[in-house]
Amino acid sequence: MNYAWREKMGMNEKQIREVVKKWFTETARHEWRRLRRNPYHQIEFITTMHFLKKHLPKKGLILDAGGGPGRYTIELAKRGYDVVLLDLVPEMLKIAGREIKKARIQTRVKQLLEGSIDDLSMFGDETFDAVLCLGGSLNHLLDAKQRVKAASELVRVAKKGAPIFVSVISRIGLLRSILVEFPHEMKHAETHLETGDYVPGLNGEGFTAAHWCLPEELRRLFETQGVEVLEMAGLEGLSSHHEKETNRLYKDQKKWNMWINVLLKTCRHPSVVGSSEHFLLVGRKQC
């Protein structure tokens, strides 16, 4: 990894973590609403749930690591799973706790824990029947060694043969976002492409510290930890970066249902995976 930006900014891993924590503390309510904000943003949730339903065991204890305000925790608890939610940001957990009570699923959500995905030492080896790390939590570990540590921890706490689900913000998708939404950031596009690193104040504004991922990068990261990659999918798929058009289509429910079917049938194509805003890796811990 190129550490020039870190030297320029004078930031270590702890300081970067605090930058990330501050951002998500301030945007926690937005994050709770994000996957329900409009039809376009619902597609990420719909596609993710499609693969969760396909690969999760019929019952068991699930870790939702970096799960923010608990959208997936709540949905899975409603479906009869026992869930542990872990997140770096206390404000996220506060929202999760409130929403869990509203949904009356307290008995299914076993713990709400503050912590980072690269340190799961509070859990023993092979504790969980499935492990989730969704929505881009892995992106906010800028040091490659931290990402390796996080992958190692996520795999360690999964039982042998357990499914592991990881979704991230795409590097190629990010470049398309610059074109569509943030053309004023075009001067940084080549840096994003080459390094995948984003540091507010150095190579952009409007988001927190992040490392954008390539599909082959994420695959390699988990394969080296003993994970068999079963599937990869673009979460927004063919709708990616077409928010207005997607929201307009939703007004015709017949066409909307047809389009969702198309998205689910095409989301695993390699050309779709890397170009989506977010993509998902589904793996299985090898026995």
C-alpha atoms as a PDB file:
ATOM      1  CA  MET A   1       0.000   0.000   0.000  1.00  0.00           C
ATOM      2  CA  ASN A   2       1.131   3.570  -0.713  1.00  0.00           C
ATOM      3  CA  TYR A   3       1.388   5.385   2.631  1.00  0.00           C
ATOM      4  CA  ALA A   4       2.200   8.828   1.198  1.00  0.00           C
ATOM      5  CA  TRP A   5      -1.260  10.165   2.040  1.00  0.00           C
ATOM      6  CA  ARG A   6      -0.892   8.990   5.634  1.00  0.00           C
ATOM      7  CA  GLU A   7       2.413  10.782   6.029  1.00  0.00           C
ATOM      8  CA  LYS A   8       0.912  13.919   4.535  1.00  0.00           C
ATOM      9  CA  MET A   9      -2.121  13.814   6.781  1.00  0.00           C
ATOM     10  CA  GLY A  10      -0.159  12.652   9.838  1.00  0.00           C
ATOM     11  CA  MET A  11      -2.816  10.055  10.687  1.00  0.00           C
ATOM     12  CA  ASN A  12      -2.349   6.615  12.192  1.00  0.00           C
ATOM     13  CA  GLU A  13      -4.881   3.760  12.239  1.00  0.00           C
ATOM     14  CA  LYS A  14      -6.379   4.921  15.535  1.00  0.00           C
ATOM     15  CA  GLN A  15      -6.900   8.437  14.219  1.00  0.00           C
ATOM     16  CA  ILE A  16      -8.446   7.139  11.007  1.00  0.00           C
ATOM     17  CA  ARG A  17     -10.823   5.019  13.078  1.00  0.00           C
ATOM     18  CA  GLU A  18     -11.884   8.100  15.020  1.00  0.00           C
ATOM     19  CA  VAL A  19     -12.532   9.974  11.758  1.00  0.00           C
ATOM     20  CA  VAL A  20     -14.746   7.093  10.587  1.00  0.00           C
ATOM     21  CA  LYS A  21     -16.476   6.845  13.957  1.00  0.00           C
ATOM     22  CA  LYS A  22     -17.228  10.580  14.002  1.00  0.00           C
ATOM     23  CA  TRP A  23     -18.701  10.475  10.481  1.00  0.00           C
ATOM     24  CA  PHE A  24     -21.039   7.595  11.227  1.00  0.00           C
ATOM     25  CA  THR A  25     -22.027   9.060  14.583  1.00  0.00           C
ATOM     26  CA  GLU A  26     -23.199  12.175  12.756  1.00  0.00           C
ATOM     27  CA  THR A  27     -24.925  10.218   9.968  1.00  0.00           C
ATOM     28  CA  ALA A  28     -26.364   7.323  11.990  1.00  0.00           C
ATOM     29  CA  ARG A  29     -29.974   8.293  11.363  1.00  0.00           C
ATOM     30  CA  HIS A  30     -29.295   8.610   7.646  1.00  0.00           C
ATOM     31  CA  GLU A  31     -27.747   5.136   7.661  1.00  0.00           C
ATOM     32  CA  TRP A  32     -30.887   3.693   9.277  1.00  0.00           C
ATOM     33  CA  ARG A  33     -32.997   5.240   6.518  1.00  0.00           C
ATOM     34  CA  ARG A  34     -30.581   4.536   3.660  1.00  0.00           C
ATOM     35  CA  LEU A  35     -31.871   1.111   2.586  1.00  0.00           C
ATOM     36  CA  ARG A  36     -35.477   2.355   2.726  1.00  0.00           C
ATOM     37  CA  ARG A  37     -34.852   5.828   1.315  1.00  0.00           C
ATOM     38  CA  ASN A  38     -36.396   5.125  -2.087  1.00  0.00           C
ATOM     39  CA  PRO A  39     -36.895   2.185  -4.487  1.00  0.00           C
ATOM     40  CA  TYR A  40     -33.380   2.539  -5.884  1.00  0.00           C
ATOM     41  CA  HIS A  41     -31.760   2.160  -2.476  1.00  0.00           C
ATOM     42  CA  GLN A  42     -34.082  -0.710  -1.588  1.00  0.00           C
ATOM     43  CA  ILE A  43     -32.485  -2.783  -4.345  1.00  0.00           C
ATOM     44  CA  GLU A  44     -29.297  -3.242  -2.304  1.00  0.00           C
ATOM     45  CA  PHE A  45     -31.400  -4.732   0.506  1.00  0.00           C
ATOM     46  CA  ILE A  46     -33.560  -6.824  -1.818  1.00  0.00           C
ATOM     47  CA  THR A  47     -30.557  -8.370  -3.570  1.00  0.00           C
ATOM     48  CA  THR A  48     -28.677  -8.983  -0.342  1.00  0.00           C
ATOM     49  CA  MET A  49     -31.699 -10.685   1.214  1.00  0.00           C
ATOM     50  CA  HIS A  50     -32.035 -12.851  -1.895  1.00  0.00           C
ATOM     51  CA  PHE A  51     -28.593 -14.326  -1.238  1.00  0.00           C
ATOM     52  CA  LEU A  52     -29.048 -14.521   2.518  1.00  0.00           C
ATOM     53  CA  LYS A  53     -32.228 -16.551   2.052  1.00  0.00           C
ATOM     54  CA  LYS A  54     -30.443 -18.750  -0.469  1.00  0.00           C
ATOM     55  CA  HIS A  55     -27.380 -19.578   1.629  1.00  0.00           C
ATOM     56  CA  LEU A  56     -28.242 -19.169   5.320  1.00  0.00           C
ATOM     57  CA  PRO A  57     -28.951 -22.307   7.357  1.00  0.00           C
ATOM     58  CA  LYS A  58     -32.570 -22.770   8.393  1.00  0.00           C
ATOM     59  CA  LYS A  59     -31.759 -21.660  11.938  1.00  0.00           C
ATOM     60  CA  GLY A  60     -28.819 -20.666  14.083  1.00  0.00           C
ATOM     61  CA  LEU A  61     -26.794 -17.861  15.641  1.00  0.00           C
ATOM     62  CA  ILE A  62     -25.657 -15.117  13.260  1.00  0.00           C
ATOM     63  CA  LEU A  63     -23.047 -12.399  13.722  1.00  0.00           C
ATOM     64  CA  ASP A  64     -23.915  -9.094  12.044  1.00  0.00           C
ATOM     65  CA  ALA A  65     -20.462  -7.482  12.187  1.00  0.00           C
ATOM     66  CA  GLY A  66     -20.349  -3.785  11.364  1.00  0.00           C
ATOM     67  CA  GLY A  67     -24.120  -3.969  11.086  1.00  0.00           C
ATOM     68  CA  GLY A  68     -24.760  -0.309  11.878  1.00  0.00           C
ATOM     69  CA  PRO A  69     -28.305   0.429  13.066  1.00  0.00           C
ATOM     70  CA  GLY A  70     -29.394  -3.152  12.489  1.00  0.00           C
ATOM     71  CA  ARG A  71     -31.447  -3.388   9.297  1.00  0.00           C
ATOM     72  CA  TYR A  72     -30.292  -6.949   8.625  1.00  0.00           C
ATOM     73  CA  THR A  73     -30.223  -7.897  12.309  1.00  0.00           C
ATOM     74  CA  ILE A  74     -33.893  -6.965  12.628  1.00  0.00           C
ATOM     75  CA  GLU A  75     -34.945  -8.672   9.410  1.00  0.00           C
ATOM     76  CA  LEU A  76     -33.176 -11.911  10.305  1.00  0.00           C
ATOM     77  CA  ALA A  77     -34.464 -11.867  13.878  1.00  0.00           C
ATOM     78  CA  LYS A  78     -37.987 -11.533  12.482  1.00  0.00           C
ATOM     79  CA  ARG A  79     -37.282 -14.651  10.423  1.00  0.00           C
ATOM     80  CA  GLY A  80     -36.426 -16.641  13.549  1.00  0.00           C
ATOM     81  CA  TYR A  81     -32.637 -16.370  13.715  1.00  0.00           C
ATOM     82  CA  ASP A  82     -30.680 -15.483  16.833  1.00  0.00           C
ATOM     83  CA  VAL A  83     -28.416 -12.521  16.080  1.00  0.00           C
ATOM     84  CA  VAL A  84     -25.506 -10.667  17.655  1.00  0.00           C
ATOM     85  CA  LEU A  85     -25.026  -7.116  16.338  1.00  0.00           C
ATOM     86  CA  LEU A  86     -21.595  -5.506  16.565  1.00  0.00           C
ATOM     87  CA  ASP A  87     -20.720  -1.993  15.438  1.00  0.00           C
ATOM     88  CA  LEU A  88     -18.038   0.622  16.014  1.00  0.00           C
ATOM     89  CA  VAL A  89     -20.481   3.467  16.664  1.00  0.00           C
ATOM     90  CA  PRO A  90     -22.553   3.699  19.885  1.00  0.00           C
ATOM     91  CA  GLU A  91     -25.146   5.923  18.159  1.00  0.00           C
ATOM     92  CA  MET A  92     -25.781   3.157  15.630  1.00  0.00           C
ATOM     93  CA  LEU A  93     -26.354   0.667  18.443  1.00  0.00           C
ATOM     94  CA  LYS A  94     -28.665   3.123  20.187  1.00  0.00           C
ATOM     95  CA  ILE A  95     -30.846   3.320  17.083  1.00  0.00           C
ATOM     96  CA  ALA A  96     -30.698  -0.454  16.705  1.00  0.00           C
ATOM     97  CA  GLY A  97     -31.826  -0.971  20.281  1.00  0.00           C
ATOM     98  CA  ARG A  98     -34.786   1.330  19.816  1.00  0.00           C
ATOM     99  CA  GLU A  99     -35.848  -0.287  16.538  1.00  0.00           C
ATOM    100  CA  ILE A 100     -35.430  -3.798  17.957  1.00  0.00           C
ATOM    101  CA  LYS A 101     -37.848  -2.909  20.762  1.00  0.00           C
ATOM    102  CA  LYS A 102     -40.323  -1.497  18.244  1.00  0.00           C
ATOM    103  CA  ALA A 103     -40.149  -4.744  16.299  1.00  0.00           C
ATOM    104  CA  ARG A 104     -40.572  -6.785  19.542  1.00  0.00           C
ATOM    105  CA  ILE A 105     -37.699  -9.123  18.744  1.00  0.00           C
ATOM    106  CA  GLN A 106     -35.556  -8.540  21.854  1.00  0.00           C
ATOM    107  CA  THR A 107     -35.410 -12.246  22.636  1.00  0.00           C
ATOM    108  CA  ARG A 108     -33.840 -12.983  19.243  1.00  0.00           C
ATOM    109  CA  VAL A 109     -31.178 -10.259  19.362  1.00  0.00           C
ATOM    110  CA  LYS A 110     -28.790 -11.715  21.896  1.00  0.00           C
ATOM    111  CA  GLN A 111     -26.271  -8.868  22.166  1.00  0.00           C
ATOM    112  CA  LEU A 112     -25.569  -5.346  20.945  1.00  0.00           C
ATOM    113  CA  LEU A 113     -21.819  -4.847  21.156  1.00  0.00           C
ATOM    114  CA  GLU A 114     -19.510  -1.938  20.454  1.00  0.00           C
ATOM    115  CA  GLY A 115     -16.410  -3.059  18.585  1.00  0.00           C
ATOM    116  CA  SER A 116     -14.483  -3.215  15.346  1.00  0.00           C
ATOM    117  CA  ILE A 117     -14.603  -5.970  12.738  1.00  0.00           C
ATOM    118  CA  ASP A 118     -10.816  -6.410  12.944  1.00  0.00           C
ATOM    119  CA  ASP A 119     -10.993  -7.408  16.615  1.00  0.00           C
ATOM    120  CA  LEU A 120     -13.586 -10.048  17.466  1.00  0.00           C
ATOM    121  CA  SER A 121     -11.655 -11.336  20.470  1.00  0.00           C
ATOM    122  CA  MET A 122     -14.823 -11.259  22.575  1.00  0.00           C
ATOM    123  CA  PHE A 123     -15.958 -14.329  20.603  1.00  0.00           C
ATOM    124  CA  GLY A 124     -14.474 -17.809  20.650  1.00  0.00           C
ATOM    125  CA  ASP A 125     -13.469 -19.772  17.584  1.00  0.00           C
ATOM    126  CA  GLU A 126     -16.332 -21.250  15.537  1.00  0.00           C
ATOM    127  CA  THR A 127     -19.084 -19.496  17.498  1.00  0.00           C
ATOM    128  CA  PHE A 128     -21.504 -18.549  14.720  1.00  0.00           C
ATOM    129  CA  ASP A 129     -23.602 -20.496  12.228  1.00  0.00           C
ATOM    130  CA  ALA A 130     -23.228 -17.589   9.773  1.00  0.00           C
ATOM    131  CA  VAL A 131     -21.259 -14.334   9.651  1.00  0.00           C
ATOM    132  CA  LEU A 132     -22.313 -11.084   7.966  1.00  0.00           C
ATOM    133  CA  CYS A 133     -20.215  -8.008   7.236  1.00  0.00           C
ATOM    134  CA  LEU A 134     -22.474  -5.911   5.015  1.00  0.00           C
ATOM    135  CA  GLY A 135     -22.813  -2.381   3.685  1.00  0.00           C
ATOM    136  CA  GLY A 136     -19.127  -1.548   3.361  1.00  0.00           C
ATOM    137  CA  SER A 137     -17.717  -1.840   6.877  1.00  0.00           C
ATOM    138  CA  LEU A 138     -14.597  -3.472   5.450  1.00  0.00           C
ATOM    139  CA  ASN A 139     -14.062  -0.403   3.250  1.00  0.00           C
ATOM    140  CA  HIS A 140     -13.285   1.731   6.278  1.00  0.00           C
ATOM    141  CA  LEU A 141     -10.110  -0.168   7.158  1.00  0.00           C
ATOM    142  CA  LEU A 142      -7.551   1.671   5.040  1.00  0.00           C
ATOM    143  CA  ASP A 143      -4.522  -0.384   5.997  1.00  0.00           C
ATOM    144  CA  ALA A 144      -4.339  -3.609   3.982  1.00  0.00           C
ATOM    145  CA  LYS A 145      -3.070  -5.444   7.075  1.00  0.00           C
ATOM    146  CA  GLN A 146      -6.192  -4.370   8.954  1.00  0.00           C
ATOM    147  CA  ARG A 147      -8.377  -5.770   6.203  1.00  0.00           C
ATOM    148  CA  VAL A 148      -6.503  -9.062   6.361  1.00  0.00           C
ATOM    149  CA  LYS A 149      -6.970  -9.096  10.143  1.00  0.00           C
ATOM    150  CA  ALA A 150     -10.687  -8.401   9.768  1.00  0.00           C
ATOM    151  CA  ALA A 151     -11.115 -11.177   7.205  1.00  0.00           C
ATOM    152  CA  SER A 152      -9.205 -13.540   9.493  1.00  0.00           C
ATOM    153  CA  GLU A 153     -11.432 -12.655  12.444  1.00  0.00           C
ATOM    154  CA  LEU A 154     -14.677 -12.975  10.495  1.00  0.00           C
ATOM    155  CA  VAL A 155     -13.612 -16.428   9.324  1.00  0.00           C
ATOM    156  CA  ARG A 156     -12.270 -17.495  12.718  1.00  0.00           C
ATOM    157  CA  VAL A 157     -15.567 -16.962  14.535  1.00  0.00           C
ATOM    158  CA  ALA A 158     -17.590 -18.816  11.866  1.00  0.00           C
ATOM    159  CA  LYS A 159     -18.237 -22.523  12.304  1.00  0.00           C
ATOM    160  CA  LYS A 160     -16.727 -24.882   9.765  1.00  0.00           C
ATOM    161  CA  GLY A 161     -18.939 -24.967   6.720  1.00  0.00           C
ATOM    162  CA  ALA A 162     -20.733 -21.766   7.751  1.00  0.00           C
ATOM    163  CA  PRO A 163     -21.660 -19.160   5.126  1.00  0.00           C
ATOM    164  CA  ILE A 164     -19.917 -15.778   5.203  1.00  0.00           C
ATOM    165  CA  PHE A 165     -21.421 -12.704   3.513  1.00  0.00           C
ATOM    166  CA  VAL A 166     -19.366  -9.569   2.846  1.00  0.00           C
ATOM    167  CA  SER A 167     -20.484  -6.543   0.825  1.00  0.00           C
ATOM    168  CA  VAL A 168     -18.345  -3.546  -0.060  1.00  0.00           C
ATOM    169  CA  ILE A 169     -18.317  -0.301  -2.027  1.00  0.00           C
ATOM    170  CA  SER A 170     -16.913  -0.919  -5.502  1.00  0.00           C
ATOM    171  CA  ARG A 171     -13.881   0.923  -6.854  1.00  0.00           C
ATOM    172  CA  ILE A 172     -15.223   0.896 -10.415  1.00  0.00           C
ATOM    173  CA  GLY A 173     -18.662   1.823  -9.156  1.00  0.00           C
ATOM    174  CA  LEU A 174     -17.129   4.744  -7.281  1.00  0.00           C
ATOM    175  CA  LEU A 175     -15.619   6.077 -10.503  1.00  0.00           C
ATOM    176  CA  ARG A 176     -19.050   5.969 -12.117  1.00  0.00           C
ATOM    177  CA  SER A 177     -20.442   7.820  -9.081  1.00  0.00           C
ATOM    178  CA  ILE A 178     -17.896  10.574  -9.679  1.00  0.00           C
ATOM    179  CA  LEU A 179     -19.102  10.900 -13.278  1.00  0.00           C
ATOM    180  CA  VAL A 180     -22.792  10.924 -12.384  1.00  0.00           C
ATOM    181  CA  GLU A 181     -22.925  12.682  -9.011  1.00  0.00           C
ATOM    182  CA  PHE A 182     -19.588  14.291  -8.187  1.00  0.00           C
ATOM    183  CA  PRO A 183     -17.946  15.594 -11.383  1.00  0.00           C
ATOM    184  CA  HIS A 184     -16.143  18.249  -9.301  1.00  0.00           C
ATOM    185  CA  GLU A 185     -14.091  15.360  -7.861  1.00  0.00           C
ATOM    186  CA  MET A 186     -12.878  14.252 -11.302  1.00  0.00           C
ATOM    187  CA  LYS A 187      -9.368  15.529 -10.562  1.00  0.00           C
ATOM    188  CA  HIS A 188      -9.033  12.688  -8.044  1.00  0.00           C
ATOM    189  CA  ALA A 189     -10.425   9.915 -10.272  1.00  0.00           C
ATOM    190  CA  GLU A 190      -7.068   8.449 -11.300  1.00  0.00           C
ATOM    191  CA  THR A 191      -5.910   8.314  -7.680  1.00  0.00           C
ATOM    192  CA  HIS A 192      -9.066   6.439  -6.709  1.00  0.00           C
ATOM    193  CA  LEU A 193      -8.494   4.013  -9.561  1.00  0.00           C
ATOM    194  CA  GLU A 194      -4.834   3.383  -8.778  1.00  0.00           C
ATOM    195  CA  THR A 195      -4.907   3.142  -4.983  1.00  0.00           C
ATOM    196  CA  GLY A 196      -8.577   2.745  -4.056  1.00  0.00           C
ATOM    197  CA  ASP A 197      -7.940   5.041  -1.086  1.00  0.00           C
ATOM    198  CA  TYR A 198     -10.105   8.018  -0.158  1.00  0.00           C
ATOM    199  CA  VAL A 199      -9.083  10.451   2.545  1.00  0.00           C
ATOM    200  CA  PRO A 200     -11.313  13.488   3.124  1.00  0.00           C
ATOM    201  CA  GLY A 201      -9.366  16.684   2.689  1.00  0.00           C
ATOM    202  CA  LEU A 202      -6.658  15.005   0.638  1.00  0.00           C
ATOM    203  CA  ASN A 203      -8.393  13.453  -2.364  1.00  0.00           C
ATOM    204  CA  GLY A 204     -11.997  14.437  -1.966  1.00  0.00           C
ATOM    205  CA  GLU A 205     -14.787  15.693   0.277  1.00  0.00           C
ATOM    206  CA  GLY A 206     -18.242  14.505   1.257  1.00  0.00           C
ATOM    207  CA  PHE A 207     -17.494  11.088   2.769  1.00  0.00           C
ATOM    208  CA  THR A 208     -15.305   9.514   5.412  1.00  0.00           C
ATOM    209  CA  ALA A 209     -12.016   7.613   5.046  1.00  0.00           C
ATOM    210  CA  ALA A 210     -12.449   4.549   2.838  1.00  0.00           C
ATOM    211  CA  HIS A 211     -10.725   2.021   0.611  1.00  0.00           C
ATOM    212  CA  TRP A 212     -12.754   1.133  -2.486  1.00  0.00           C
ATOM    213  CA  CYS A 213     -12.563  -2.551  -3.434  1.00  0.00           C
ATOM    214  CA  LEU A 214     -12.172  -4.518  -6.635  1.00  0.00           C
ATOM    215  CA  PRO A 215     -13.946  -7.901  -6.945  1.00  0.00           C
ATOM    216  CA  GLU A 216     -10.695  -9.817  -7.417  1.00  0.00           C
ATOM    217  CA  GLU A 217      -9.242  -8.066  -4.371  1.00  0.00           C
ATOM    218  CA  LEU A 218     -12.122  -9.121  -2.115  1.00  0.00           C
ATOM    219  CA  ARG A 219     -12.105 -12.654  -3.506  1.00  0.00           C
ATOM    220  CA  ARG A 220      -8.373 -13.036  -2.901  1.00  0.00           C
ATOM    221  CA  LEU A 221      -8.675 -11.605   0.610  1.00  0.00           C
ATOM    222  CA  PHE A 222     -11.117 -14.298   1.718  1.00  0.00           C
ATOM    223  CA  GLU A 223      -9.732 -17.188  -0.299  1.00  0.00           C
ATOM    224  CA  THR A 224      -6.398 -16.758   1.487  1.00  0.00           C
ATOM    225  CA  GLN A 225      -8.309 -17.147   4.776  1.00  0.00           C
ATOM    226  CA  GLY A 226      -9.675 -20.555   3.813  1.00  0.00           C
ATOM    227  CA  VAL A 227     -13.016 -19.445   2.371  1.00  0.00           C
ATOM    228  CA  GLU A 228     -14.541 -21.079  -0.674  1.00  0.00           C
ATOM    229  CA  VAL A 229     -16.164 -18.308  -2.701  1.00  0.00           C
ATOM    230  CA  LEU A 230     -19.589 -19.523  -3.792  1.00  0.00           C
ATOM    231  CA  GLU A 231     -20.962 -16.445  -5.545  1.00  0.00           C
ATOM    232  CA  MET A 232     -20.342 -12.763  -6.130  1.00  0.00           C
ATOM    233  CA  ALA A 233     -23.102 -10.323  -7.052  1.00  0.00           C
ATOM    234  CA  GLY A 234     -23.593  -6.674  -7.913  1.00  0.00           C
ATOM    235  CA  LEU A 235     -26.140  -5.405  -5.422  1.00  0.00           C
ATOM    236  CA  GLU A 236     -27.651  -2.539  -7.404  1.00  0.00           C
ATOM    237  CA  GLY A 237     -26.856  -4.485 -10.565  1.00  0.00           C
ATOM    238  CA  LEU A 238     -28.122  -3.073 -13.851  1.00  0.00           C
ATOM    239  CA  SER A 239     -29.891  -0.304 -11.938  1.00  0.00           C
ATOM    240  CA  SER A 240     -26.578   0.981 -10.571  1.00  0.00           C
ATOM    241  CA  HIS A 241     -26.233   4.759 -11.050  1.00  0.00           C
ATOM    242  CA  HIS A 242     -29.719   4.970 -12.587  1.00  0.00           C
ATOM    243  CA  GLU A 243     -31.559   6.213  -9.516  1.00  0.00           C
ATOM    244  CA  LYS A 244     -34.062   8.465 -11.262  1.00  0.00           C
ATOM    245  CA  GLU A 245     -34.989   5.852 -13.858  1.00  0.00           C
ATOM    246  CA  THR A 246     -35.290   3.119 -11.234  1.00  0.00           C
ATOM    247  CA  ASN A 247     -37.524   5.218  -8.994  1.00  0.00           C
ATOM    248  CA  ARG A 248     -39.722   6.087 -11.962  1.00  0.00           C
ATOM    249  CA  LEU A 249     -40.130   2.420 -12.880  1.00  0.00           C
ATOM    250  CA  TYR A 250     -41.358   1.647  -9.357  1.00  0.00           C
ATOM    251  CA  LYS A 251     -44.592   3.519 -10.127  1.00  0.00           C
ATOM    252  CA  ASP A 252     -45.599   0.634 -12.389  1.00  0.00           C
ATOM    253  CA  GLN A 253     -45.511  -2.379 -10.072  1.00  0.00           C
ATOM    254  CA  LYS A 254     -45.821  -4.916 -12.878  1.00  0.00           C
ATOM    255  CA  LYS A 255     -42.751  -3.491 -14.609  1.00  0.00           C
ATOM    256  CA  TRP A 256     -40.979  -3.123 -11.269  1.00  0.00           C
ATOM    257  CA  ASN A 257     -41.427  -6.808 -10.456  1.00  0.00           C
ATOM    258  CA  MET A 258     -40.204  -7.769 -13.900  1.00  0.00           C
ATOM    259  CA  TRP A 259     -37.137  -5.564 -13.448  1.00  0.00           C
ATOM    260  CA  ILE A 260     -36.295  -7.027 -10.028  1.00  0.00           C
ATOM    261  CA  ASN A 261     -36.423 -10.461 -11.638  1.00  0.00           C
ATOM    262  CA  VAL A 262     -34.008  -9.270 -14.346  1.00  0.00           C
ATOM    263  CA  LEU A 263     -31.675  -7.804 -11.729  1.00  0.00           C
ATOM    264  CA  LEU A 264     -31.534 -11.042  -9.758  1.00  0.00           C
ATOM    265  CA  LYS A 265     -30.855 -13.057 -12.908  1.00  0.00           C
ATOM    266  CA  THR A 266     -28.002 -10.808 -14.070  1.00  0.00           C
ATOM    267  CA  CYS A 267     -26.360  -9.644 -10.833  1.00  0.00           C
ATOM    268  CA  ARG A 268     -23.744 -12.436 -10.790  1.00  0.00           C
ATOM    269  CA  HIS A 269     -22.351 -11.625 -14.222  1.00  0.00           C
ATOM    270  CA  PRO A 270     -18.725 -10.402 -13.847  1.00  0.00           C
ATOM    271  CA  SER A 271     -19.469  -7.258 -15.857  1.00  0.00           C
ATOM    272  CA  VAL A 272     -22.230  -6.380 -13.384  1.00  0.00           C
ATOM    273  CA  VAL A 273     -20.428  -7.269 -10.153  1.00  0.00           C
ATOM    274  CA  GLY A 274     -17.587  -4.779 -10.364  1.00  0.00           C
ATOM    275  CA  SER A 275     -19.574  -1.937 -11.898  1.00  0.00           C
ATOM    276  CA  SER A 276     -22.299  -1.833  -9.236  1.00  0.00           C
ATOM    277  CA  GLU A 277     -22.138   0.686  -6.416  1.00  0.00           C
ATOM    278  CA  HIS A 278     -21.884  -2.222  -3.952  1.00  0.00           C
ATOM    279  CA  PHE A 279     -21.055  -5.859  -4.525  1.00  0.00           C
ATOM    280  CA  LEU A 280     -21.415  -8.957  -2.380  1.00  0.00           C
ATOM    281  CA  LEU A 281     -19.201 -11.971  -1.776  1.00  0.00           C
ATOM    282  CA  VAL A 282     -20.849 -15.155  -0.539  1.00  0.00           C
ATOM    283  CA  GLY A 283     -18.412 -17.720   0.798  1.00  0.00           C
ATOM    284  CA  ARG A 284     -18.227 -20.799   2.931  1.00  0.00           C
ATOM    285  CA  LYS A 285     -15.642 -21.553   5.582  1.00  0.00           C
ATOM    286  CA  GLN A 286     -13.904 -24.710   4.458  1.00  0.00           C
ATOM    287  CA  CYS A 287     -13.921 -27.680   6.793  1.00  0.00           C
END
